[in-house]
Amino acid sequence: MTVYRSRNALRGPFTPDRIAALSLPVTRRGYRIDEVDALLHRLAFELGERTRQLTEVCAENRQIKDALRSWQSAEAARRLGE
């Protein structure tokens, strides 16, 4: 996996927990804190959801591969028995 490189404290891969715990420095002319927090919470939720979906897809992919291998082995054994 490629990791975004930054010169600030936001190093390493993002996880939902890291995004949810993230706080950015406040300046007098900065963004509205409540909007930034809402965005970070949404990003954390969506990243968590994508991670969950990816985990499910990988598990399903393993099941399909295992079923195909079993079928191929059974089919090969059946053909040898003919």
Protein backbone atom coordinates (compact mmCIF):
# COMPACT_ATOMS: atom_id res chain seq x y z
CA MET A 1 0.00 0.00 0.00
CA THR A 2 1.29 3.46 -0.83
CA VAL A 3 1.42 5.87 2.08
CA TYR A 4 1.04 9.61 1.61
CA ARG A 5 4.15 11.42 2.80
CA SER A 6 3.75 14.66 4.71
CA ARG A 7 6.08 17.07 6.47
CA ASN A 8 3.71 17.50 9.38
CA ALA A 9 2.52 15.28 12.25
CA LEU A 10 0.09 13.37 10.04
CA ARG A 11 2.59 10.65 9.14
CA GLY A 12 1.75 7.03 8.47
CA PRO A 13 -1.39 5.41 7.11
CA PHE A 14 -4.75 6.75 8.17
CA THR A 15 -7.11 4.54 10.08
CA PRO A 16 -10.62 5.44 11.23
CA ASP A 17 -9.34 5.76 14.81
CA ARG A 18 -6.48 8.07 13.80
CA ILE A 19 -8.82 10.30 11.83
CA ALA A 20 -11.37 10.41 14.64
CA ALA A 21 -8.66 11.37 17.16
CA LEU A 22 -7.09 13.98 14.88
CA SER A 23 -7.09 17.59 15.94
CA LEU A 24 -5.69 20.36 13.81
CA PRO A 25 -4.08 23.55 15.11
CA VAL A 26 -6.46 26.49 15.44
CA THR A 27 -5.60 29.88 14.02
CA ARG A 28 -7.46 33.16 14.20
CA ARG A 29 -8.26 33.07 10.50
CA GLY A 30 -8.63 29.30 10.18
CA TYR A 31 -11.53 27.02 9.43
CA ARG A 32 -14.58 26.61 11.58
CA ILE A 33 -13.67 23.95 14.11
CA ASP A 34 -17.10 22.32 14.15
CA GLU A 35 -17.04 21.90 10.36
CA VAL A 36 -13.53 20.43 10.39
CA ASP A 37 -14.51 18.04 13.20
CA ALA A 38 -17.64 16.98 11.29
CA LEU A 39 -15.57 16.32 8.18
CA LEU A 40 -13.02 14.28 10.14
CA HIS A 41 -15.80 12.21 11.72
CA ARG A 42 -17.32 11.58 8.30
CA LEU A 43 -13.92 10.59 6.86
CA ALA A 44 -13.31 8.23 9.77
CA PHE A 45 -16.73 6.61 9.27
CA GLU A 46 -16.31 6.24 5.52
CA LEU A 47 -12.77 4.88 5.82
CA GLY A 48 -14.00 2.36 8.38
CA GLU A 49 -16.85 1.34 6.09
CA ARG A 50 -14.50 0.90 3.12
CA THR A 51 -12.13 -1.14 5.25
CA ARG A 52 -15.01 -3.36 6.40
CA GLN A 53 -16.19 -3.83 2.81
CA LEU A 54 -12.69 -4.68 1.63
CA THR A 55 -12.33 -7.25 4.39
CA GLU A 56 -15.64 -8.84 3.36
CA VAL A 57 -14.68 -8.90 -0.31
CA CYS A 58 -11.31 -10.50 0.45
CA ALA A 59 -12.99 -13.18 2.57
CA GLU A 60 -15.54 -13.87 -0.18
CA ASN A 61 -12.74 -14.02 -2.74
CA ARG A 62 -10.92 -16.63 -0.62
CA GLN A 63 -14.13 -18.69 -0.39
CA ILE A 64 -14.62 -18.57 -4.15
CA LYS A 65 -11.01 -19.56 -4.81
CA ASP A 66 -11.25 -22.44 -2.33
CA ALA A 67 -14.51 -23.65 -3.89
CA LEU A 68 -12.97 -23.47 -7.37
CA ARG A 69 -9.90 -25.43 -6.26
CA SER A 70 -12.13 -28.08 -4.66
CA TRP A 71 -14.24 -28.33 -7.79
CA GLN A 72 -11.15 -28.57 -10.00
CA SER A 73 -9.68 -31.32 -7.82
CA ALA A 74 -12.96 -33.25 -7.80
CA GLU A 75 -13.35 -32.82 -11.55
CA ALA A 76 -9.78 -34.00 -12.19
CA ALA A 77 -10.30 -37.04 -9.95
CA ARG A 78 -13.60 -37.85 -11.71
CA ARG A 79 -11.96 -37.67 -15.12
CA LEU A 80 -9.13 -39.95 -14.02
CA GLY A 81 -11.72 -42.44 -12.77
CA GLU A 82 -13.52 -42.59 -16.12
